[in-house]
Amino acid sequence: MFRNKILLTLAAFFVLQTSCEKYKNLPESNVVINELMAVNSTIVTDQNGEYDDWIEMFNKSSLTMDLSGYYLTDSKRNLVKWQFPAGTTVPSNGYLIIWADSDTTQNGLHSNFKLSSGGERLLFVNPEKLIIDEVDYPAQTQELSYSRNPNGTGSFIWQSATFSTKND
């Protein structure tokens, strides 16, 4: 009986361990979440002069990438929360900014959700509804961005914002 409890405990541990690892083996994507800022009060404004949350995508490839049908979300329960409009592209080795301000009536790319300054998860999802990139970011410090360093491939660190430019 004691042996059965140990085996059951080990089996439960194994199941939990392998289920938590699924995000470490995301499908390879040429476009990644590269930088984000959830507290922006003086760094950069959108086309309407508003200091909004923003997300920077980076295209690591030498080809222009079409994001039509892809999604961004802050909810694992709703992987299709905000869809990139048809015809949205990221130039080769280039950047794309999405304003995370819940104001889809503005021109440009404005998601239907905001980033939480208290920290949360941001997911990039392909048209088949598979998560291809994700960032779990902690509580945001004002006027610092959470950025991949080195640019496009590294781990996320706090640094001065490099809006639409290289993070290194």
C-alpha atoms as a PDB file:
ATOM      1  CA  MET A   1       0.000   0.000   0.000  1.00  0.00           C
ATOM      2  CA  PHE A   2       2.815   2.412   0.886  1.00  0.00           C
ATOM      3  CA  ARG A   3       4.563   1.440  -2.362  1.00  0.00           C
ATOM      4  CA  ASN A   4       1.379   2.208  -4.335  1.00  0.00           C
ATOM      5  CA  LYS A   5       1.175   5.678  -2.765  1.00  0.00           C
ATOM      6  CA  ILE A   6       4.777   6.396  -3.753  1.00  0.00           C
ATOM      7  CA  LEU A   7       4.157   5.194  -7.314  1.00  0.00           C
ATOM      8  CA  LEU A   8       0.970   7.265  -7.534  1.00  0.00           C
ATOM      9  CA  THR A   9       2.800  10.348  -6.213  1.00  0.00           C
ATOM     10  CA  LEU A  10       5.632   9.864  -8.726  1.00  0.00           C
ATOM     11  CA  ALA A  11       3.144   9.403 -11.560  1.00  0.00           C
ATOM     12  CA  ALA A  12       1.293  12.596 -10.580  1.00  0.00           C
ATOM     13  CA  PHE A  13       4.590  14.488 -10.377  1.00  0.00           C
ATOM     14  CA  PHE A  14       5.571  13.226 -13.840  1.00  0.00           C
ATOM     15  CA  VAL A  15       2.226  14.283 -15.353  1.00  0.00           C
ATOM     16  CA  LEU A  16       2.487  17.755 -13.812  1.00  0.00           C
ATOM     17  CA  GLN A  17       6.101  18.133 -14.880  1.00  0.00           C
ATOM     18  CA  THR A  18       5.470  17.169 -18.508  1.00  0.00           C
ATOM     19  CA  SER A  19       2.319  19.287 -18.766  1.00  0.00           C
ATOM     20  CA  CYS A  20       4.246  22.346 -17.554  1.00  0.00           C
ATOM     21  CA  GLU A  21       6.951  21.787 -20.179  1.00  0.00           C
ATOM     22  CA  LYS A  22       4.655  22.078 -23.201  1.00  0.00           C
ATOM     23  CA  TYR A  23       5.404  25.780 -23.641  1.00  0.00           C
ATOM     24  CA  LYS A  24       9.147  25.140 -23.800  1.00  0.00           C
ATOM     25  CA  ASN A  25       8.642  23.199 -27.036  1.00  0.00           C
ATOM     26  CA  LEU A  26       6.716  25.768 -29.045  1.00  0.00           C
ATOM     27  CA  PRO A  27       6.677  25.434 -32.837  1.00  0.00           C
ATOM     28  CA  GLU A  28       9.455  27.458 -34.487  1.00  0.00           C
ATOM     29  CA  SER A  29       8.354  30.859 -35.749  1.00  0.00           C
ATOM     30  CA  ASN A  30      10.221  33.504 -37.730  1.00  0.00           C
ATOM     31  CA  VAL A  31       8.125  36.200 -36.048  1.00  0.00           C
ATOM     32  CA  VAL A  32       8.387  36.577 -32.272  1.00  0.00           C
ATOM     33  CA  ILE A  33       7.199  38.831 -29.490  1.00  0.00           C
ATOM     34  CA  ASN A  34      10.324  40.960 -29.063  1.00  0.00           C
ATOM     35  CA  GLU A  35       9.451  43.721 -26.611  1.00  0.00           C
ATOM     36  CA  LEU A  36       6.494  45.014 -24.643  1.00  0.00           C
ATOM     37  CA  MET A  37       5.643  47.940 -22.439  1.00  0.00           C
ATOM     38  CA  ALA A  38       2.643  47.887 -20.114  1.00  0.00           C
ATOM     39  CA  VAL A  39       3.369  51.203 -18.385  1.00  0.00           C
ATOM     40  CA  ASN A  40       4.058  53.911 -20.930  1.00  0.00           C
ATOM     41  CA  SER A  41       3.547  57.500 -19.801  1.00  0.00           C
ATOM     42  CA  THR A  42       6.407  59.357 -21.537  1.00  0.00           C
ATOM     43  CA  ILE A  43       8.214  57.039 -23.977  1.00  0.00           C
ATOM     44  CA  VAL A  44       6.193  56.991 -27.209  1.00  0.00           C
ATOM     45  CA  THR A  45       2.704  57.890 -28.390  1.00  0.00           C
ATOM     46  CA  ASP A  46       0.400  56.317 -30.928  1.00  0.00           C
ATOM     47  CA  GLN A  47      -0.834  58.274 -33.951  1.00  0.00           C
ATOM     48  CA  ASN A  48      -3.423  60.018 -31.731  1.00  0.00           C
ATOM     49  CA  GLY A  49      -0.848  61.267 -29.221  1.00  0.00           C
ATOM     50  CA  GLU A  50      -1.826  58.722 -26.545  1.00  0.00           C
ATOM     51  CA  TYR A  51       0.722  56.925 -24.334  1.00  0.00           C
ATOM     52  CA  ASP A  52      -0.637  53.398 -24.633  1.00  0.00           C
ATOM     53  CA  ASP A  53       0.658  49.910 -23.867  1.00  0.00           C
ATOM     54  CA  TRP A  54       2.498  48.418 -26.844  1.00  0.00           C
ATOM     55  CA  ILE A  55       3.827  45.139 -28.170  1.00  0.00           C
ATOM     56  CA  GLU A  56       6.692  44.866 -30.634  1.00  0.00           C
ATOM     57  CA  MET A  57       6.880  41.887 -32.996  1.00  0.00           C
ATOM     58  CA  PHE A  58      10.168  41.075 -34.758  1.00  0.00           C
ATOM     59  CA  ASN A  59      10.701  39.121 -37.987  1.00  0.00           C
ATOM     60  CA  LYS A  60      13.941  37.123 -37.709  1.00  0.00           C
ATOM     61  CA  SER A  61      13.850  36.006 -41.340  1.00  0.00           C
ATOM     62  CA  SER A  62      15.086  37.545 -44.578  1.00  0.00           C
ATOM     63  CA  LEU A  63      11.561  37.384 -46.060  1.00  0.00           C
ATOM     64  CA  THR A  64       8.529  39.584 -45.421  1.00  0.00           C
ATOM     65  CA  MET A  65       6.117  37.607 -43.250  1.00  0.00           C
ATOM     66  CA  ASP A  66       2.331  37.827 -43.586  1.00  0.00           C
ATOM     67  CA  LEU A  67       0.500  37.745 -40.241  1.00  0.00           C
ATOM     68  CA  SER A  68      -2.997  37.523 -41.727  1.00  0.00           C
ATOM     69  CA  GLY A  69      -4.978  35.108 -39.558  1.00  0.00           C
ATOM     70  CA  TYR A  70      -2.540  35.144 -36.627  1.00  0.00           C
ATOM     71  CA  TYR A  71      -3.585  36.213 -33.123  1.00  0.00           C
ATOM     72  CA  LEU A  72      -2.339  37.949 -29.986  1.00  0.00           C
ATOM     73  CA  THR A  73      -3.971  37.281 -26.645  1.00  0.00           C
ATOM     74  CA  ASP A  74      -3.468  37.668 -22.933  1.00  0.00           C
ATOM     75  CA  SER A  75      -5.731  34.698 -22.177  1.00  0.00           C
ATOM     76  CA  LYS A  76      -5.067  30.970 -22.606  1.00  0.00           C
ATOM     77  CA  ARG A  77      -8.838  30.506 -22.502  1.00  0.00           C
ATOM     78  CA  ASN A  78      -9.306  32.751 -25.534  1.00  0.00           C
ATOM     79  CA  LEU A  79      -6.492  32.110 -28.005  1.00  0.00           C
ATOM     80  CA  VAL A  80      -8.268  34.106 -30.718  1.00  0.00           C
ATOM     81  CA  LYS A  81      -8.817  37.272 -28.682  1.00  0.00           C
ATOM     82  CA  TRP A  82      -7.319  39.698 -31.208  1.00  0.00           C
ATOM     83  CA  GLN A  83      -6.641  38.804 -34.835  1.00  0.00           C
ATOM     84  CA  PHE A  84      -4.114  40.564 -37.046  1.00  0.00           C
ATOM     85  CA  PRO A  85      -6.032  42.173 -39.914  1.00  0.00           C
ATOM     86  CA  ALA A  86      -5.716  40.632 -43.373  1.00  0.00           C
ATOM     87  CA  GLY A  87      -2.686  41.965 -45.212  1.00  0.00           C
ATOM     88  CA  THR A  88      -0.655  42.712 -42.046  1.00  0.00           C
ATOM     89  CA  THR A  89       3.021  42.061 -42.759  1.00  0.00           C
ATOM     90  CA  VAL A  90       6.346  42.361 -40.967  1.00  0.00           C
ATOM     91  CA  PRO A  91       9.290  43.277 -43.202  1.00  0.00           C
ATOM     92  CA  SER A  92      12.396  41.079 -43.271  1.00  0.00           C
ATOM     93  CA  ASN A  93      14.476  41.659 -40.133  1.00  0.00           C
ATOM     94  CA  GLY A  94      11.886  44.292 -39.246  1.00  0.00           C
ATOM     95  CA  TYR A  95       9.459  45.302 -36.536  1.00  0.00           C
ATOM     96  CA  LEU A  96       5.709  45.693 -36.146  1.00  0.00           C
ATOM     97  CA  ILE A  97       4.065  47.612 -33.292  1.00  0.00           C
ATOM     98  CA  ILE A  98       0.646  46.745 -31.902  1.00  0.00           C
ATOM     99  CA  TRP A  99      -0.930  49.228 -29.492  1.00  0.00           C
ATOM    100  CA  ALA A 100      -2.497  47.264 -26.627  1.00  0.00           C
ATOM    101  CA  ASP A 101      -5.086  49.861 -25.647  1.00  0.00           C
ATOM    102  CA  SER A 102      -8.515  48.232 -26.145  1.00  0.00           C
ATOM    103  CA  ASP A 103      -9.352  50.887 -28.742  1.00  0.00           C
ATOM    104  CA  THR A 104      -9.970  49.101 -32.027  1.00  0.00           C
ATOM    105  CA  THR A 105     -11.726  52.185 -33.463  1.00  0.00           C
ATOM    106  CA  GLN A 106      -8.373  53.967 -33.973  1.00  0.00           C
ATOM    107  CA  ASN A 107      -6.411  53.665 -37.203  1.00  0.00           C
ATOM    108  CA  GLY A 108      -3.491  51.268 -37.226  1.00  0.00           C
ATOM    109  CA  LEU A 109      -2.984  48.122 -35.188  1.00  0.00           C
ATOM    110  CA  HIS A 110      -4.829  48.475 -31.871  1.00  0.00           C
ATOM    111  CA  SER A 111      -5.672  45.294 -29.965  1.00  0.00           C
ATOM    112  CA  ASN A 112      -8.909  44.755 -28.085  1.00  0.00           C
ATOM    113  CA  PHE A 113      -7.030  44.244 -24.801  1.00  0.00           C
ATOM    114  CA  LYS A 114      -4.548  46.096 -22.628  1.00  0.00           C
ATOM    115  CA  LEU A 115      -1.426  44.727 -20.976  1.00  0.00           C
ATOM    116  CA  SER A 116      -1.626  44.368 -17.215  1.00  0.00           C
ATOM    117  CA  SER A 117       0.944  46.426 -15.324  1.00  0.00           C
ATOM    118  CA  GLY A 118       0.745  43.738 -12.636  1.00  0.00           C
ATOM    119  CA  GLY A 119       2.219  41.162 -15.020  1.00  0.00           C
ATOM    120  CA  GLU A 120       0.581  38.449 -17.081  1.00  0.00           C
ATOM    121  CA  ARG A 121       1.080  36.163 -20.069  1.00  0.00           C
ATOM    122  CA  LEU A 122       1.139  37.352 -23.679  1.00  0.00           C
ATOM    123  CA  LEU A 123       0.646  34.741 -26.403  1.00  0.00           C
ATOM    124  CA  PHE A 124       1.262  34.778 -30.162  1.00  0.00           C
ATOM    125  CA  VAL A 125      -0.950  32.217 -31.907  1.00  0.00           C
ATOM    126  CA  ASN A 126      -0.891  30.931 -35.489  1.00  0.00           C
ATOM    127  CA  PRO A 127      -3.991  30.454 -37.703  1.00  0.00           C
ATOM    128  CA  GLU A 128      -4.202  26.792 -36.609  1.00  0.00           C
ATOM    129  CA  LYS A 129      -4.616  28.103 -33.039  1.00  0.00           C
ATOM    130  CA  LEU A 130      -1.226  26.783 -31.897  1.00  0.00           C
ATOM    131  CA  ILE A 131       0.782  28.958 -29.523  1.00  0.00           C
ATOM    132  CA  ILE A 132       4.023  29.828 -31.326  1.00  0.00           C
ATOM    133  CA  ASP A 133       5.467  32.329 -28.850  1.00  0.00           C
ATOM    134  CA  GLU A 134       4.677  33.423 -25.331  1.00  0.00           C
ATOM    135  CA  VAL A 135       5.980  35.804 -22.726  1.00  0.00           C
ATOM    136  CA  ASP A 136       5.224  35.618 -19.020  1.00  0.00           C
ATOM    137  CA  TYR A 137       6.162  39.035 -17.751  1.00  0.00           C
ATOM    138  CA  PRO A 138       6.301  40.201 -14.138  1.00  0.00           C
ATOM    139  CA  ALA A 139       4.872  43.441 -12.767  1.00  0.00           C
ATOM    140  CA  GLN A 140       5.953  46.258 -15.074  1.00  0.00           C
ATOM    141  CA  THR A 141       8.233  49.026 -13.864  1.00  0.00           C
ATOM    142  CA  GLN A 142       7.281  52.399 -15.308  1.00  0.00           C
ATOM    143  CA  GLU A 143       9.251  53.510 -18.353  1.00  0.00           C
ATOM    144  CA  LEU A 144      11.135  50.217 -18.786  1.00  0.00           C
ATOM    145  CA  SER A 145      10.313  47.646 -21.420  1.00  0.00           C
ATOM    146  CA  TYR A 146      10.487  43.886 -21.188  1.00  0.00           C
ATOM    147  CA  SER A 147      12.722  42.965 -24.131  1.00  0.00           C
ATOM    148  CA  ARG A 148      14.478  40.006 -25.720  1.00  0.00           C
ATOM    149  CA  ASN A 149      18.211  40.428 -25.514  1.00  0.00           C
ATOM    150  CA  PRO A 150      19.843  39.604 -27.827  1.00  0.00           C
ATOM    151  CA  ASN A 151      17.234  40.905 -30.206  1.00  0.00           C
ATOM    152  CA  GLY A 152      14.719  38.303 -31.441  1.00  0.00           C
ATOM    153  CA  THR A 153      16.309  35.280 -29.755  1.00  0.00           C
ATOM    154  CA  GLY A 154      17.404  35.986 -26.183  1.00  0.00           C
ATOM    155  CA  SER A 155      15.795  35.880 -22.810  1.00  0.00           C
ATOM    156  CA  PHE A 156      13.602  38.740 -21.666  1.00  0.00           C
ATOM    157  CA  ILE A 157      15.150  41.460 -19.502  1.00  0.00           C
ATOM    158  CA  TRP A 158      14.120  44.883 -18.208  1.00  0.00           C
ATOM    159  CA  GLN A 159      15.772  47.694 -20.168  1.00  0.00           C
ATOM    160  CA  SER A 160      15.181  51.138 -21.630  1.00  0.00           C
ATOM    161  CA  ALA A 161      12.628  50.908 -24.423  1.00  0.00           C
ATOM    162  CA  THR A 162      14.002  50.400 -27.935  1.00  0.00           C
ATOM    163  CA  PHE A 163      10.688  50.950 -29.754  1.00  0.00           C
ATOM    164  CA  SER A 164      10.980  49.522 -33.301  1.00  0.00           C
ATOM    165  CA  THR A 165      14.755  49.171 -33.088  1.00  0.00           C
ATOM    166  CA  LYS A 166      17.291  46.538 -32.053  1.00  0.00           C
ATOM    167  CA  ASN A 167      17.226  45.576 -28.351  1.00  0.00           C
ATOM    168  CA  ASP A 168      20.951  44.806 -28.009  1.00  0.00           C
END
